[in-house]
Amino acid sequence: MSVPKRIRDYEGRYAMVDGITFHLPVSATQSPALMAGFFCDYEKAKTMLPGNELHPVKVSGKAVFMVTVIDYRHTTIGKYIEYSIALAVTRGSKPAPALLPVILMKTYKTGQFILDLPVSSEISVKGGKGIWGMPKHKANLDFIETDNLVSAQYELDGQFAFRIEIDRPRKIIFPISIGSINYSHFRNMLMASYINFKAKAGIKFGKSATGRLFIGDHPRTKFLKDLQIQSKPFFTMYMPETNGILDDHFECWFMTYADKPTQVTPEGFESVINLGLNEDWLPAPSITDYEKYKI
């Protein structure tokens, strides 16, 4: 895991932003995670990306829909679940050639654009959105591991929103050490944050990858049905223990328009300014009739 020297140099010190005091580096340890990738409609995916600098990763004419759920058990701001729903993207003046962004991630600034990012705690919303511009909001979440299945469900306001299930791999043998870029849209600017993580993973590709996706009618997730997401994942990954460090460096760029914009910008600082530092969770999801939402 390649961690910038400036982060190694201040290890053990503290920072405080917006009233949140945290031990450096901003890190998580011993946190299980699941990830799954699904092909979806490329043209539909393009319409969900802001500005003109992000482009869907193209594989066999399709875009890539990503779900990543991490059960953060040991972090600098307490424990919480983070539920990322995203599109794989590149950043640049034009789309990248097919497949190359997977191999040349730094060249094409490959990452994911986050469509929705529910989390368990208020302090995670305040820090993640207020500092790094991540579109976090508090919701009812779970992360359940059994001998055969790893699943995560997302509900909000008593309504079913989303569920992912993957069949648990038998072997956890693949070492993972990688840096990733998270793109998001906040204050009508394109934001980029960086994370480095390492783990041992059980990975399945192609026909051996098995999982199920359920998309509810909640306004925060219903629009995802327009992506025409394929029902079968093309890869799944389960990591019993991830260890990650969130970079202290982030970037942002103005959104540009050919004409003077008149539309209302997405949420900004007003959505976090009055948030507190509460680490309490909402009740765990309880809806059991999610089968009707299977894609």
Protein backbone atom coordinates (compact mmCIF):
# COMPACT_ATOMS: atom_id res chain seq x y z
CA MET A 1 0.00 0.00 0.00
CA SER A 2 1.71 3.19 -1.18
CA VAL A 3 1.16 5.90 1.43
CA PRO A 4 2.51 9.41 0.71
CA LYS A 5 5.54 10.36 2.79
CA ARG A 6 3.81 13.46 4.22
CA ILE A 7 1.22 11.14 5.83
CA ARG A 8 3.89 8.85 7.28
CA ASP A 9 5.69 11.92 8.67
CA TYR A 10 2.75 13.13 10.76
CA GLU A 11 1.60 9.73 12.01
CA GLY A 12 0.55 9.99 15.65
CA ARG A 13 -0.41 13.67 15.53
CA TYR A 14 -3.96 15.08 15.64
CA ALA A 15 -6.12 17.32 13.47
CA MET A 16 -9.41 19.13 14.03
CA VAL A 17 -11.80 20.17 11.25
CA ASP A 18 -15.30 21.57 11.82
CA GLY A 19 -15.12 20.51 15.44
CA ILE A 20 -14.15 16.93 14.60
CA THR A 21 -10.92 15.96 16.37
CA PHE A 22 -9.18 12.92 14.95
CA HIS A 23 -5.96 10.99 15.29
CA LEU A 24 -3.76 10.88 12.19
CA PRO A 25 -3.61 9.32 9.75
CA VAL A 26 -7.32 8.99 8.94
CA SER A 27 -7.46 5.23 8.83
CA ALA A 28 -9.54 2.09 9.23
CA THR A 29 -8.43 -1.37 10.29
CA GLN A 30 -9.88 -4.88 10.54
CA SER A 31 -12.96 -3.85 8.56
CA PRO A 32 -14.76 -6.43 6.36
CA ALA A 33 -15.96 -5.35 2.93
CA LEU A 34 -17.75 -6.61 -0.14
CA MET A 35 -17.58 -5.36 -3.70
CA ALA A 36 -19.42 -6.29 -6.87
CA GLY A 37 -19.40 -5.04 -10.46
CA PHE A 38 -22.28 -5.20 -12.92
CA PHE A 39 -22.47 -4.15 -16.55
CA CYS A 40 -25.05 -1.49 -17.40
CA ASP A 41 -26.12 0.72 -20.31
CA TYR A 42 -23.28 3.02 -21.41
CA GLU A 43 -25.42 5.87 -22.77
CA LYS A 44 -27.61 5.88 -19.67
CA ALA A 45 -24.53 6.00 -17.47
CA LYS A 46 -23.21 9.05 -19.35
CA THR A 47 -26.33 11.02 -18.43
CA MET A 48 -25.67 10.50 -14.71
CA LEU A 49 -22.22 12.10 -14.71
CA PRO A 50 -21.92 15.83 -14.02
CA GLY A 51 -19.89 18.24 -16.15
CA ASN A 52 -17.77 17.16 -19.10
CA GLU A 53 -14.63 15.73 -17.47
CA LEU A 54 -15.92 12.33 -16.32
CA HIS A 55 -16.62 9.43 -18.67
CA PRO A 56 -17.89 5.91 -17.98
CA VAL A 57 -15.36 3.10 -18.22
CA LYS A 58 -16.33 1.08 -21.28
CA VAL A 59 -16.10 -2.72 -21.37
CA SER A 60 -17.61 -4.56 -24.36
CA GLY A 61 -19.80 -1.54 -25.09
CA LYS A 62 -21.15 -1.40 -21.53
CA ALA A 63 -20.55 0.83 -18.53
CA VAL A 64 -19.63 -0.55 -15.10
CA PHE A 65 -21.91 -0.19 -12.08
CA MET A 66 -20.14 -0.69 -8.74
CA VAL A 67 -21.35 -1.52 -5.25
CA THR A 68 -18.90 -1.41 -2.33
CA VAL A 69 -19.95 -1.83 1.29
CA ILE A 70 -17.46 -1.55 4.15
CA ASP A 71 -18.21 -2.32 7.77
CA TYR A 72 -15.76 0.13 9.36
CA ARG A 73 -15.15 -1.40 12.78
CA HIS A 74 -12.05 0.53 13.86
CA THR A 75 -11.59 4.08 12.57
CA THR A 76 -10.45 7.48 13.81
CA ILE A 77 -14.09 8.61 14.14
CA GLY A 78 -15.73 5.47 15.50
CA LYS A 79 -17.44 2.58 13.79
CA TYR A 80 -19.93 2.88 10.92
CA ILE A 81 -21.05 1.18 7.71
CA GLU A 82 -20.39 2.93 4.41
CA TYR A 83 -22.52 1.90 1.42
CA SER A 84 -21.12 3.11 -1.90
CA ILE A 85 -23.23 2.98 -5.08
CA ALA A 86 -21.20 4.21 -8.03
CA LEU A 87 -20.13 4.15 -11.67
CA ALA A 88 -16.58 3.34 -12.77
CA VAL A 89 -15.20 6.40 -14.57
CA THR A 90 -12.14 8.08 -16.06
CA ARG A 91 -11.34 11.79 -15.95
CA GLY A 92 -10.12 13.77 -18.94
CA SER A 93 -11.16 15.80 -21.96
CA LYS A 94 -12.48 12.73 -23.78
CA PRO A 95 -13.48 9.12 -23.05
CA ALA A 96 -10.69 6.59 -22.64
CA PRO A 97 -10.27 3.59 -24.96
CA ALA A 98 -12.10 0.45 -23.90
CA LEU A 99 -10.39 -1.70 -21.23
CA LEU A 100 -7.21 0.43 -20.94
CA PRO A 101 -8.46 2.36 -17.86
CA VAL A 102 -8.43 -0.91 -15.93
CA ILE A 103 -4.75 -1.46 -16.75
CA LEU A 104 -3.52 2.16 -16.77
CA MET A 105 -5.47 3.56 -13.86
CA LYS A 106 -3.11 6.47 -13.13
CA THR A 107 -2.89 7.48 -16.78
CA TYR A 108 -6.66 7.74 -17.17
CA LYS A 109 -7.33 8.81 -13.56
CA THR A 110 -9.63 5.83 -13.20
CA GLY A 111 -11.94 5.84 -10.21
CA GLN A 112 -15.60 5.80 -9.34
CA PHE A 113 -18.24 8.51 -9.36
CA ILE A 114 -20.43 8.10 -6.32
CA LEU A 115 -24.16 8.16 -7.05
CA ASP A 116 -25.26 7.55 -3.45
CA LEU A 117 -23.34 7.07 -0.20
CA PRO A 118 -25.41 6.26 2.89
CA VAL A 119 -23.54 5.76 6.17
CA SER A 120 -24.47 4.80 9.72
CA SER A 121 -23.37 7.78 11.80
CA GLU A 122 -23.85 11.55 11.82
CA ILE A 123 -20.15 12.24 12.45
CA SER A 124 -19.29 10.29 9.30
CA VAL A 125 -21.70 12.47 7.30
CA LYS A 126 -20.25 15.68 8.75
CA GLY A 127 -16.65 14.68 8.09
CA GLY A 128 -17.05 12.86 4.79
CA LYS A 129 -19.23 15.48 3.16
CA GLY A 130 -17.91 18.62 4.83
CA ILE A 131 -14.21 17.85 4.29
CA TRP A 132 -14.02 15.65 1.20
CA GLY A 133 -17.33 16.45 -0.50
CA MET A 134 -18.61 12.87 -0.41
CA PRO A 135 -22.42 12.68 -0.77
CA LYS A 136 -22.95 11.00 2.60
CA HIS A 137 -26.26 10.84 4.45
CA LYS A 138 -27.44 8.77 7.40
CA ALA A 139 -29.56 5.67 6.74
CA ASN A 140 -30.56 2.26 8.12
CA LEU A 141 -27.79 -0.12 7.07
CA ASP A 142 -26.44 -3.58 7.85
CA PHE A 143 -23.54 -5.81 6.86
CA ILE A 144 -24.12 -9.51 7.46
CA GLU A 145 -21.61 -12.33 7.03
CA THR A 146 -22.62 -16.00 7.13
CA ASP A 147 -20.80 -19.16 6.08
CA ASN A 148 -22.27 -18.96 2.57
CA LEU A 149 -23.41 -15.38 2.04
CA VAL A 150 -22.30 -11.76 2.52
CA SER A 151 -25.09 -9.19 2.26
CA ALA A 152 -25.81 -5.54 2.94
CA GLN A 153 -29.21 -3.81 3.00
CA TYR A 154 -30.09 -0.11 2.84
CA GLU A 155 -33.36 1.41 4.00
CA LEU A 156 -34.42 4.99 4.65
CA ASP A 157 -37.54 6.57 6.14
CA GLY A 158 -39.08 3.11 6.58
CA GLN A 159 -38.74 2.36 2.85
CA PHE A 160 -36.61 -0.27 1.11
CA ALA A 161 -33.86 1.31 -0.99
CA PHE A 162 -31.20 -1.24 -1.98
CA ARG A 163 -29.70 -4.65 -1.22
CA ILE A 164 -26.62 -6.51 -2.43
CA GLU A 165 -25.84 -10.20 -1.86
CA ILE A 166 -22.77 -12.13 -2.95
CA ASP A 167 -22.00 -15.79 -2.40
CA ARG A 168 -19.07 -16.00 -0.01
CA PRO A 169 -15.92 -17.31 -1.69
CA ARG A 170 -14.29 -20.35 -0.11
CA LYS A 171 -10.72 -19.14 -0.51
CA ILE A 172 -9.38 -15.77 0.65
CA ILE A 173 -5.99 -15.85 -1.04
CA PHE A 174 -5.57 -12.79 -3.29
CA PRO A 175 -3.42 -9.99 -1.81
CA ILE A 176 -4.84 -6.55 -2.65
CA SER A 177 -2.86 -3.32 -2.31
CA ILE A 178 -4.24 -0.45 -4.32
CA GLY A 179 -5.06 3.24 -4.40
CA SER A 180 -8.49 4.43 -5.47
CA ILE A 181 -10.11 7.73 -6.47
CA ASN A 182 -13.61 8.66 -5.36
CA TYR A 183 -15.26 11.39 -7.42
CA SER A 184 -18.32 13.24 -6.17
CA HIS A 185 -20.44 16.33 -6.88
CA PHE A 186 -20.65 18.84 -4.01
CA ARG A 187 -21.24 22.62 -3.98
CA ASN A 188 -21.53 22.21 -7.77
CA MET A 189 -17.88 21.27 -7.99
CA LEU A 190 -16.27 18.01 -9.00
CA MET A 191 -14.46 16.62 -5.95
CA ALA A 192 -11.80 13.90 -5.87
CA SER A 193 -10.57 12.10 -2.75
CA TYR A 194 -7.99 9.38 -2.52
CA ILE A 195 -7.74 6.21 -0.44
CA ASN A 196 -5.10 3.51 -0.17
CA PHE A 197 -6.03 0.10 1.16
CA LYS A 198 -4.75 -3.43 1.46
CA ALA A 199 -6.40 -6.74 2.24
CA LYS A 200 -6.63 -10.40 1.36
CA ALA A 201 -9.62 -11.10 -0.81
CA GLY A 202 -11.75 -13.85 -2.23
CA ILE A 203 -12.44 -12.87 -5.83
CA LYS A 204 -14.69 -14.43 -8.44
CA PHE A 205 -14.84 -13.46 -12.12
CA GLY A 206 -17.17 -14.24 -15.00
CA LYS A 207 -19.40 -17.27 -14.63
CA SER A 208 -18.09 -18.06 -11.16
CA ALA A 209 -19.17 -14.64 -9.85
CA THR A 210 -22.59 -15.01 -8.24
CA GLY A 211 -24.66 -12.38 -6.52
CA ARG A 212 -28.00 -10.62 -6.48
CA LEU A 213 -29.05 -7.00 -6.65
CA PHE A 214 -32.32 -5.49 -5.39
CA ILE A 215 -33.32 -1.88 -6.16
CA GLY A 216 -36.25 -0.36 -4.30
CA ASP A 217 -38.58 2.52 -5.08
CA HIS A 218 -37.06 5.02 -2.67
CA PRO A 219 -36.32 8.33 -4.48
CA ARG A 220 -32.62 8.02 -3.64
CA THR A 221 -32.26 4.74 -5.52
CA LYS A 222 -35.23 4.29 -7.87
CA PHE A 223 -33.44 6.19 -10.65
CA LEU A 224 -30.80 3.43 -10.77
CA LYS A 225 -33.29 1.22 -12.60
CA ASP A 226 -32.83 3.48 -15.63
CA LEU A 227 -29.25 2.18 -15.93
CA GLN A 228 -30.55 -1.20 -17.14
CA ILE A 229 -28.13 -3.01 -14.84
CA GLN A 230 -27.53 -6.65 -15.74
CA SER A 231 -28.76 -9.08 -13.12
CA LYS A 232 -25.54 -11.09 -12.86
CA PRO A 233 -22.29 -9.54 -11.60
CA PHE A 234 -19.18 -9.96 -13.72
CA PHE A 235 -17.01 -9.95 -10.60
CA THR A 236 -17.44 -10.17 -6.83
CA MET A 237 -14.96 -9.60 -4.05
CA TYR A 238 -15.09 -10.29 -0.32
CA MET A 239 -12.43 -9.03 2.08
CA PRO A 240 -12.73 -10.24 5.71
CA GLU A 241 -10.33 -7.53 6.88
CA THR A 242 -9.42 -4.34 5.03
CA ASN A 243 -6.93 -1.77 6.24
CA GLY A 244 -7.11 1.65 4.62
CA ILE A 245 -5.75 5.18 4.85
CA LEU A 246 -7.69 8.16 3.51
CA ASP A 247 -5.42 10.77 1.99
CA ASP A 248 -5.37 14.24 3.56
CA HIS A 249 -5.14 15.68 0.05
CA PHE A 250 -8.21 16.20 -2.13
CA GLU A 251 -8.94 18.13 -5.30
CA CYS A 252 -11.89 20.00 -6.72
CA TRP A 253 -12.70 21.66 -10.02
CA PHE A 254 -15.40 24.07 -11.18
CA MET A 255 -18.24 22.74 -13.28
CA THR A 256 -18.34 24.67 -16.56
CA TYR A 257 -21.25 25.46 -18.87
CA ALA A 258 -21.60 26.81 -22.40
CA ASP A 259 -24.31 29.19 -21.16
CA LYS A 260 -24.94 30.86 -17.84
CA PRO A 261 -26.44 28.14 -15.60
CA THR A 262 -29.84 28.75 -14.06
CA GLN A 263 -30.48 25.39 -12.41
CA VAL A 264 -30.24 24.98 -8.66
CA THR A 265 -26.86 23.59 -7.64
CA PRO A 266 -26.59 20.33 -5.65
CA GLU A 267 -26.38 20.49 -1.88
CA GLY A 268 -23.57 22.44 -0.27
CA PHE A 269 -22.31 23.45 3.16
CA GLU A 270 -25.84 24.14 4.37
CA SER A 271 -26.34 20.36 4.48
CA VAL A 272 -23.54 19.83 7.02
CA ILE A 273 -23.05 23.07 8.93
CA ASN A 274 -25.50 22.19 11.72
CA LEU A 275 -24.62 18.51 12.02
CA GLY A 276 -23.22 17.21 15.29
CA LEU A 277 -20.69 14.54 16.19
CA ASN A 278 -23.12 11.78 17.10
CA GLU A 279 -21.91 8.21 16.56
CA ASP A 280 -25.31 6.56 17.18
CA TRP A 281 -26.80 4.37 14.45
CA LEU A 282 -30.37 4.17 13.21
CA PRO A 283 -32.08 0.79 13.77
CA ALA A 284 -30.93 -2.04 11.52
CA PRO A 285 -32.94 -2.70 8.33
CA SER A 286 -36.02 -4.83 8.94
CA ILE A 287 -37.81 -5.14 5.58
CA THR A 288 -37.95 -8.76 4.41
CA ASP A 289 -40.07 -8.61 1.23
CA TYR A 290 -37.19 -7.32 -0.89
CA GLU A 291 -37.35 -10.26 -3.36
CA LYS A 292 -39.89 -8.34 -5.46
CA TYR A 293 -37.20 -5.73 -6.14
CA LYS A 294 -34.68 -8.16 -7.60
CA ILE A 295 -33.28 -7.02 -10.94
